[in-house]
Amino acid sequence: MRQIVLDTETTGIDPAEGHRIIEIGCVELMERQTTGRHYHVYINPEREVEAEAITVHGITNEFLADKPKFSEIADEFFDFIKGAELVIHNAAFDIGFMDSEFARLKPVRKTADHCGVVDSLAIARKKHPGQKNNLDALCKRYGVDNSSRDLHGALLDAEILAEVYLLLTGGQTALSLDAGSDEAGGAGGIRRLARERKPLTVVRASNEETSAHEEFMALLAKQAGGTVWDKLATKE
């Protein structure tokens, strides 16, 4: 299955009030593995970015002045996401903006007609009811490093969300009892090994260690009147 983890940044919070997309970030997954392909673009929204929005993402009007308009990148963006399942945190927000942008163009495209949509926020709320489920909280809960996320950024957030989503929908988070709490101190975090790592070395017990182990087990069985291992061996 081809999935696209997607995030946007915008001039404000409501496309119905004329707010526009100013940044799109996408990360491609294939069969739950990152492929290395991504899509990232800044967009001139043809309007002012609200001051409150700038405090969130740090993208200024001056920075966007020479960037392409959505109409100029719409086809390449659509081609990148077409036919994929989109993974978005609070999907209604981003899809609302995307559909608003596509509605300004011909032919009019509706995202859900060409892509599947998965809302990772809805998944998180179902899995962790009554807890914080924003991206920062999920990073803390699942041990994902988001130390470079001082401000929101579409591509960075998409990369972080891809990691969180894979853990949220299939990864073990921790063995500690407090792993599901926002207040957990990070002790249950995951450190995954690189794919290109060398095979792990198998260290086998020496003859002396094996003998010592057998002597200890015999002593334990004598003191306890038998062990679970003995009972299992008898059944077999």
C-alpha atoms as a PDB file:
ATOM      1  CA  MET A   1       0.000   0.000   0.000  1.00  0.00           C
ATOM      2  CA  ARG A   2       1.251   3.482  -0.870  1.00  0.00           C
ATOM      3  CA  GLN A   3       0.671   6.058   1.858  1.00  0.00           C
ATOM      4  CA  ILE A   4       1.504   9.748   1.944  1.00  0.00           C
ATOM      5  CA  VAL A   5       2.008  11.376   5.335  1.00  0.00           C
ATOM      6  CA  LEU A   6       0.986  14.974   4.765  1.00  0.00           C
ATOM      7  CA  ASP A   7       0.990  18.298   6.580  1.00  0.00           C
ATOM      8  CA  THR A   8       0.266  21.879   5.591  1.00  0.00           C
ATOM      9  CA  GLU A   9       0.867  25.350   6.982  1.00  0.00           C
ATOM     10  CA  THR A  10      -1.617  28.122   6.260  1.00  0.00           C
ATOM     11  CA  THR A  11      -2.263  31.855   6.502  1.00  0.00           C
ATOM     12  CA  GLY A  12      -4.962  31.296   9.139  1.00  0.00           C
ATOM     13  CA  ILE A  13      -7.369  28.695  10.425  1.00  0.00           C
ATOM     14  CA  ASP A  14     -10.424  28.889   8.161  1.00  0.00           C
ATOM     15  CA  PRO A  15     -10.434  28.502   4.360  1.00  0.00           C
ATOM     16  CA  ALA A  16     -14.024  29.787   4.317  1.00  0.00           C
ATOM     17  CA  GLU A  17     -12.595  33.168   5.348  1.00  0.00           C
ATOM     18  CA  GLY A  18     -10.199  33.157   2.403  1.00  0.00           C
ATOM     19  CA  HIS A  19      -7.191  31.693   4.153  1.00  0.00           C
ATOM     20  CA  ARG A  20      -4.731  29.805   1.955  1.00  0.00           C
ATOM     21  CA  ILE A  21      -2.056  27.124   2.078  1.00  0.00           C
ATOM     22  CA  ILE A  22       1.517  28.431   2.262  1.00  0.00           C
ATOM     23  CA  GLU A  23       3.502  25.199   2.737  1.00  0.00           C
ATOM     24  CA  ILE A  24       2.970  21.522   1.912  1.00  0.00           C
ATOM     25  CA  GLY A  25       5.124  18.680   3.198  1.00  0.00           C
ATOM     26  CA  CYS A  26       4.684  15.010   2.226  1.00  0.00           C
ATOM     27  CA  VAL A  27       6.567  11.818   3.075  1.00  0.00           C
ATOM     28  CA  GLU A  28       5.959   8.614   1.115  1.00  0.00           C
ATOM     29  CA  LEU A  29       5.480   5.231   2.778  1.00  0.00           C
ATOM     30  CA  MET A  30       5.289   1.958   0.882  1.00  0.00           C
ATOM     31  CA  GLU A  31       4.137  -1.105   2.813  1.00  0.00           C
ATOM     32  CA  ARG A  32       4.793   0.816   6.057  1.00  0.00           C
ATOM     33  CA  GLN A  33       8.374   1.657   5.099  1.00  0.00           C
ATOM     34  CA  THR A  34       9.696   5.105   4.218  1.00  0.00           C
ATOM     35  CA  THR A  35      10.860   5.196   0.611  1.00  0.00           C
ATOM     36  CA  GLY A  36      12.983   8.348   0.741  1.00  0.00           C
ATOM     37  CA  ARG A  37      10.595  10.166  -1.616  1.00  0.00           C
ATOM     38  CA  HIS A  38       9.011  13.360  -0.395  1.00  0.00           C
ATOM     39  CA  TYR A  39       7.241  16.431  -1.721  1.00  0.00           C
ATOM     40  CA  HIS A  40       7.848  19.885  -0.261  1.00  0.00           C
ATOM     41  CA  VAL A  41       6.922  23.342  -1.473  1.00  0.00           C
ATOM     42  CA  TYR A  42       6.337  26.867  -0.161  1.00  0.00           C
ATOM     43  CA  ILE A  43       3.463  28.753  -1.801  1.00  0.00           C
ATOM     44  CA  ASN A  44       2.655  32.414  -2.347  1.00  0.00           C
ATOM     45  CA  PRO A  45      -0.894  32.663  -0.921  1.00  0.00           C
ATOM     46  CA  GLU A  46      -1.728  35.915  -2.738  1.00  0.00           C
ATOM     47  CA  ARG A  47      -2.829  37.405   0.583  1.00  0.00           C
ATOM     48  CA  GLU A  48      -1.363  38.371   3.958  1.00  0.00           C
ATOM     49  CA  VAL A  49      -0.379  35.765   6.518  1.00  0.00           C
ATOM     50  CA  GLU A  50      -2.012  36.484   9.866  1.00  0.00           C
ATOM     51  CA  ALA A  51       0.343  37.522  12.660  1.00  0.00           C
ATOM     52  CA  GLU A  52      -0.975  34.746  14.914  1.00  0.00           C
ATOM     53  CA  ALA A  53      -0.150  32.161  12.246  1.00  0.00           C
ATOM     54  CA  ILE A  54       3.395  33.498  11.864  1.00  0.00           C
ATOM     55  CA  THR A  55       4.003  32.941  15.585  1.00  0.00           C
ATOM     56  CA  VAL A  56       3.125  29.252  15.011  1.00  0.00           C
ATOM     57  CA  HIS A  57       5.138  28.478  11.869  1.00  0.00           C
ATOM     58  CA  GLY A  58       7.447  31.466  11.441  1.00  0.00           C
ATOM     59  CA  ILE A  59       6.731  31.813   7.711  1.00  0.00           C
ATOM     60  CA  THR A  60       6.574  35.505   6.814  1.00  0.00           C
ATOM     61  CA  ASN A  61       4.945  37.410   3.981  1.00  0.00           C
ATOM     62  CA  GLU A  62       8.372  38.582   2.813  1.00  0.00           C
ATOM     63  CA  PHE A  63       9.644  34.995   2.566  1.00  0.00           C
ATOM     64  CA  LEU A  64       6.631  33.925   0.475  1.00  0.00           C
ATOM     65  CA  ALA A  65       6.690  36.863  -1.925  1.00  0.00           C
ATOM     66  CA  ASP A  66       8.732  35.096  -4.644  1.00  0.00           C
ATOM     67  CA  LYS A  67       7.289  31.603  -4.156  1.00  0.00           C
ATOM     68  CA  PRO A  68       5.008  29.929  -6.752  1.00  0.00           C
ATOM     69  CA  LYS A  69       1.239  30.236  -6.512  1.00  0.00           C
ATOM     70  CA  PHE A  70      -0.865  27.158  -5.795  1.00  0.00           C
ATOM     71  CA  SER A  71      -2.117  27.140  -9.378  1.00  0.00           C
ATOM     72  CA  GLU A  72       1.498  26.685 -10.511  1.00  0.00           C
ATOM     73  CA  ILE A  73       2.175  23.634  -8.332  1.00  0.00           C
ATOM     74  CA  ALA A  74      -1.310  22.077  -8.238  1.00  0.00           C
ATOM     75  CA  ASP A  75      -0.704  19.470 -10.948  1.00  0.00           C
ATOM     76  CA  GLU A  76       2.604  18.191  -9.577  1.00  0.00           C
ATOM     77  CA  PHE A  77       1.184  18.063  -6.058  1.00  0.00           C
ATOM     78  CA  PHE A  78      -1.921  16.223  -7.229  1.00  0.00           C
ATOM     79  CA  ASP A  79       0.181  13.743  -9.216  1.00  0.00           C
ATOM     80  CA  PHE A  80       2.244  13.007  -6.103  1.00  0.00           C
ATOM     81  CA  ILE A  81      -0.746  12.212  -3.872  1.00  0.00           C
ATOM     82  CA  LYS A  82      -3.160  10.719  -6.423  1.00  0.00           C
ATOM     83  CA  GLY A  83      -4.209   7.170  -5.595  1.00  0.00           C
ATOM     84  CA  ALA A  84      -2.445   7.116  -2.235  1.00  0.00           C
ATOM     85  CA  GLU A  85      -3.844   6.860   1.267  1.00  0.00           C
ATOM     86  CA  LEU A  86      -3.182  10.179   2.988  1.00  0.00           C
ATOM     87  CA  VAL A  87      -2.169  10.092   6.659  1.00  0.00           C
ATOM     88  CA  ILE A  88      -2.912  13.441   8.281  1.00  0.00           C
ATOM     89  CA  HIS A  89      -3.110  14.596  11.901  1.00  0.00           C
ATOM     90  CA  ASN A  90      -6.489  16.328  12.226  1.00  0.00           C
ATOM     91  CA  ALA A  91      -7.276  15.499   8.617  1.00  0.00           C
ATOM     92  CA  ALA A  92     -10.395  17.677   8.327  1.00  0.00           C
ATOM     93  CA  PHE A  93      -8.258  20.815   8.672  1.00  0.00           C
ATOM     94  CA  ASP A  94      -5.764  20.002   5.910  1.00  0.00           C
ATOM     95  CA  ILE A  95      -8.304  18.388   3.574  1.00  0.00           C
ATOM     96  CA  GLY A  96     -10.541  21.439   3.960  1.00  0.00           C
ATOM     97  CA  PHE A  97      -7.733  23.695   2.819  1.00  0.00           C
ATOM     98  CA  MET A  98      -6.686  21.384  -0.012  1.00  0.00           C
ATOM     99  CA  ASP A  99     -10.233  21.143  -1.359  1.00  0.00           C
ATOM    100  CA  SER A 100     -10.588  24.916  -1.097  1.00  0.00           C
ATOM    101  CA  GLU A 101      -7.415  25.381  -3.156  1.00  0.00           C
ATOM    102  CA  PHE A 102      -8.428  22.791  -5.773  1.00  0.00           C
ATOM    103  CA  ALA A 103     -11.890  24.386  -6.024  1.00  0.00           C
ATOM    104  CA  ARG A 104     -10.292  27.561  -7.394  1.00  0.00           C
ATOM    105  CA  LEU A 105      -8.926  25.670 -10.386  1.00  0.00           C
ATOM    106  CA  LYS A 106     -10.207  23.791 -13.411  1.00  0.00           C
ATOM    107  CA  PRO A 107     -10.842  20.937 -13.366  1.00  0.00           C
ATOM    108  CA  VAL A 108     -12.161  21.028  -9.795  1.00  0.00           C
ATOM    109  CA  ARG A 109     -10.694  18.169  -7.776  1.00  0.00           C
ATOM    110  CA  LYS A 110     -11.966  16.839  -4.477  1.00  0.00           C
ATOM    111  CA  THR A 111      -9.273  15.092  -2.464  1.00  0.00           C
ATOM    112  CA  ALA A 112     -11.439  12.217  -1.194  1.00  0.00           C
ATOM    113  CA  ASP A 113     -12.403  11.330  -4.781  1.00  0.00           C
ATOM    114  CA  HIS A 114      -8.789  10.496  -5.593  1.00  0.00           C
ATOM    115  CA  CYS A 115      -7.194   9.524  -2.263  1.00  0.00           C
ATOM    116  CA  GLY A 116      -7.993   7.579   0.870  1.00  0.00           C
ATOM    117  CA  VAL A 117      -7.738   9.572   4.083  1.00  0.00           C
ATOM    118  CA  VAL A 118      -6.602   8.373   7.514  1.00  0.00           C
ATOM    119  CA  ASP A 119      -6.834  10.743  10.477  1.00  0.00           C
ATOM    120  CA  SER A 120      -4.020   9.892  12.898  1.00  0.00           C
ATOM    121  CA  LEU A 121      -5.575  12.194  15.513  1.00  0.00           C
ATOM    122  CA  ALA A 122      -8.752  10.107  15.512  1.00  0.00           C
ATOM    123  CA  ILE A 123      -6.657   6.942  15.904  1.00  0.00           C
ATOM    124  CA  ALA A 124      -4.719   8.476  18.802  1.00  0.00           C
ATOM    125  CA  ARG A 125      -7.887   9.628  20.569  1.00  0.00           C
ATOM    126  CA  LYS A 126      -9.355   6.143  20.310  1.00  0.00           C
ATOM    127  CA  LYS A 127      -6.163   4.505  21.549  1.00  0.00           C
ATOM    128  CA  HIS A 128      -5.440   7.058  24.293  1.00  0.00           C
ATOM    129  CA  PRO A 129      -8.823   8.471  25.408  1.00  0.00           C
ATOM    130  CA  GLY A 130      -8.742  11.397  27.799  1.00  0.00           C
ATOM    131  CA  GLN A 131      -5.074  12.178  27.112  1.00  0.00           C
ATOM    132  CA  LYS A 132      -3.297  14.820  25.072  1.00  0.00           C
ATOM    133  CA  ASN A 133      -2.942  13.619  21.507  1.00  0.00           C
ATOM    134  CA  ASN A 134      -1.303  16.503  19.682  1.00  0.00           C
ATOM    135  CA  LEU A 135       1.903  15.708  17.828  1.00  0.00           C
ATOM    136  CA  ASP A 136       4.216  16.881  20.601  1.00  0.00           C
ATOM    137  CA  ALA A 137       2.377  14.767  23.195  1.00  0.00           C
ATOM    138  CA  LEU A 138       2.523  11.708  20.947  1.00  0.00           C
ATOM    139  CA  CYS A 139       6.240  12.221  20.356  1.00  0.00           C
ATOM    140  CA  LYS A 140       6.783  12.220  24.107  1.00  0.00           C
ATOM    141  CA  ARG A 141       4.582   9.161  24.606  1.00  0.00           C
ATOM    142  CA  TYR A 142       6.232   7.132  21.844  1.00  0.00           C
ATOM    143  CA  GLY A 143       9.803   8.277  22.350  1.00  0.00           C
ATOM    144  CA  VAL A 144      10.104  10.118  19.024  1.00  0.00           C
ATOM    145  CA  ASP A 145      12.750  12.853  18.917  1.00  0.00           C
ATOM    146  CA  ASN A 146      11.136  16.192  18.066  1.00  0.00           C
ATOM    147  CA  SER A 147      13.850  18.398  19.549  1.00  0.00           C
ATOM    148  CA  SER A 148      14.281  20.225  16.214  1.00  0.00           C
ATOM    149  CA  ARG A 149      10.604  21.267  16.203  1.00  0.00           C
ATOM    150  CA  ASP A 150      10.802  24.789  17.645  1.00  0.00           C
ATOM    151  CA  LEU A 151       8.207  25.984  15.131  1.00  0.00           C
ATOM    152  CA  HIS A 152       5.682  24.096  13.030  1.00  0.00           C
ATOM    153  CA  GLY A 153       6.941  23.206   9.561  1.00  0.00           C
ATOM    154  CA  ALA A 154       5.042  21.066   7.062  1.00  0.00           C
ATOM    155  CA  LEU A 155       7.862  18.763   5.948  1.00  0.00           C
ATOM    156  CA  LEU A 156       9.390  18.361   9.413  1.00  0.00           C
ATOM    157  CA  ASP A 157       5.963  17.675  10.910  1.00  0.00           C
ATOM    158  CA  ALA A 158       5.198  15.140   8.165  1.00  0.00           C
ATOM    159  CA  GLU A 159       8.489  13.335   8.869  1.00  0.00           C
ATOM    160  CA  ILE A 160       7.761  13.254  12.605  1.00  0.00           C
ATOM    161  CA  LEU A 161       4.154  12.178  12.027  1.00  0.00           C
ATOM    162  CA  ALA A 162       5.307   9.323   9.786  1.00  0.00           C
ATOM    163  CA  GLU A 163       7.385   7.950  12.649  1.00  0.00           C
ATOM    164  CA  VAL A 164       4.610   8.467  15.202  1.00  0.00           C
ATOM    165  CA  TYR A 165       1.973   6.919  12.926  1.00  0.00           C
ATOM    166  CA  LEU A 166       3.965   3.723  12.406  1.00  0.00           C
ATOM    167  CA  LEU A 167       4.381   3.339  16.171  1.00  0.00           C
ATOM    168  CA  LEU A 168       0.779   4.307  16.850  1.00  0.00           C
ATOM    169  CA  THR A 169      -0.597   1.699  14.470  1.00  0.00           C
ATOM    170  CA  GLY A 170       1.814  -1.168  14.918  1.00  0.00           C
ATOM    171  CA  GLY A 171       4.801  -0.529  17.161  1.00  0.00           C
ATOM    172  CA  GLN A 172       5.399  -1.492  20.762  1.00  0.00           C
ATOM    173  CA  THR A 173       5.968   1.649  22.805  1.00  0.00           C
ATOM    174  CA  ALA A 174       7.384   0.445  26.104  1.00  0.00           C
ATOM    175  CA  LEU A 175       7.201  -2.142  28.819  1.00  0.00           C
ATOM    176  CA  SER A 176       6.932   0.413  31.628  1.00  0.00           C
ATOM    177  CA  LEU A 177       3.521   0.814  33.250  1.00  0.00           C
ATOM    178  CA  ASP A 178       3.489   4.587  32.804  1.00  0.00           C
ATOM    179  CA  ALA A 179       4.297   4.520  29.084  1.00  0.00           C
ATOM    180  CA  GLY A 180       0.841   5.787  28.132  1.00  0.00           C
ATOM    181  CA  SER A 181       1.003   8.895  30.315  1.00  0.00           C
ATOM    182  CA  ASP A 182       1.924  12.337  29.037  1.00  0.00           C
ATOM    183  CA  GLU A 183       3.893  12.803  32.231  1.00  0.00           C
ATOM    184  CA  ALA A 184       6.049   9.737  31.651  1.00  0.00           C
ATOM    185  CA  GLY A 185       9.666  10.779  31.763  1.00  0.00           C
ATOM    186  CA  GLY A 186      10.638   9.255  28.447  1.00  0.00           C
ATOM    187  CA  ALA A 187      12.064   6.083  29.995  1.00  0.00           C
ATOM    188  CA  GLY A 188       9.867   4.011  27.707  1.00  0.00           C
ATOM    189  CA  GLY A 189      11.212   5.544  24.492  1.00  0.00           C
ATOM    190  CA  ILE A 190      12.230   3.448  21.529  1.00  0.00           C
ATOM    191  CA  ARG A 191      15.661   3.484  19.918  1.00  0.00           C
ATOM    192  CA  ARG A 192      15.377   1.722  16.596  1.00  0.00           C
ATOM    193  CA  LEU A 193      18.455   0.248  14.932  1.00  0.00           C
ATOM    194  CA  ALA A 194      19.506   1.429  11.484  1.00  0.00           C
ATOM    195  CA  ARG A 195      18.478  -0.779   8.583  1.00  0.00           C
ATOM    196  CA  GLU A 196      22.029  -0.951   7.269  1.00  0.00           C
ATOM    197  CA  ARG A 197      23.399  -2.256  10.578  1.00  0.00           C
ATOM    198  CA  LYS A 198      25.528  -5.413  10.729  1.00  0.00           C
ATOM    199  CA  PRO A 199      23.718  -8.574  11.926  1.00  0.00           C
ATOM    200  CA  LEU A 200      23.619  -8.814  15.696  1.00  0.00           C
ATOM    201  CA  THR A 201      26.226 -11.182  17.151  1.00  0.00           C
ATOM    202  CA  VAL A 202      24.856 -14.289  18.859  1.00  0.00           C
ATOM    203  CA  VAL A 203      26.841 -15.024  22.018  1.00  0.00           C
ATOM    204  CA  ARG A 204      26.364 -18.604  23.205  1.00  0.00           C
ATOM    205  CA  ALA A 205      27.049 -19.881  26.721  1.00  0.00           C
ATOM    206  CA  SER A 206      30.363 -21.650  27.242  1.00  0.00           C
ATOM    207  CA  ASN A 207      30.531 -25.260  28.504  1.00  0.00           C
ATOM    208  CA  GLU A 208      31.428 -23.976  31.961  1.00  0.00           C
ATOM    209  CA  GLU A 209      28.481 -21.561  31.988  1.00  0.00           C
ATOM    210  CA  THR A 210      26.109 -24.305  30.787  1.00  0.00           C
ATOM    211  CA  SER A 211      27.282 -26.660  33.523  1.00  0.00           C
ATOM    212  CA  ALA A 212      26.921 -23.964  36.184  1.00  0.00           C
ATOM    213  CA  HIS A 213      23.418 -23.235  34.980  1.00  0.00           C
ATOM    214  CA  GLU A 214      22.415 -26.907  35.091  1.00  0.00           C
ATOM    215  CA  GLU A 215      23.801 -27.252  38.633  1.00  0.00           C
ATOM    216  CA  PHE A 216      21.850 -24.186  39.748  1.00  0.00           C
ATOM    217  CA  MET A 217      18.620 -25.489  38.185  1.00  0.00           C
ATOM    218  CA  ALA A 218      19.100 -28.863  39.874  1.00  0.00           C
ATOM    219  CA  LEU A 219      19.591 -27.141  43.240  1.00  0.00           C
ATOM    220  CA  LEU A 220      16.507 -24.965  42.641  1.00  0.00           C
ATOM    221  CA  ALA A 221      14.417 -28.027  41.736  1.00  0.00           C
ATOM    222  CA  LYS A 222      15.562 -29.849  44.870  1.00  0.00           C
ATOM    223  CA  GLN A 223      14.699 -26.931  47.152  1.00  0.00           C
ATOM    224  CA  ALA A 224      11.355 -26.204  45.496  1.00  0.00           C
ATOM    225  CA  GLY A 225      10.270 -29.773  44.911  1.00  0.00           C
ATOM    226  CA  GLY A 226      10.328 -29.303  41.158  1.00  0.00           C
ATOM    227  CA  THR A 227      10.161 -26.362  38.736  1.00  0.00           C
ATOM    228  CA  VAL A 228       7.823 -25.123  36.042  1.00  0.00           C
ATOM    229  CA  TRP A 229      10.393 -26.215  33.453  1.00  0.00           C
ATOM    230  CA  ASP A 230      10.317 -29.774  34.808  1.00  0.00           C
ATOM    231  CA  LYS A 231       6.517 -29.867  34.596  1.00  0.00           C
ATOM    232  CA  LEU A 232       6.561 -28.585  31.013  1.00  0.00           C
ATOM    233  CA  ALA A 233       9.198 -31.158  30.066  1.00  0.00           C
ATOM    234  CA  THR A 234       7.049 -33.922  31.597  1.00  0.00           C
ATOM    235  CA  LYS A 235       4.005 -32.822  29.556  1.00  0.00           C
ATOM    236  CA  GLU A 236       6.035 -32.836  26.368  1.00  0.00           C
END
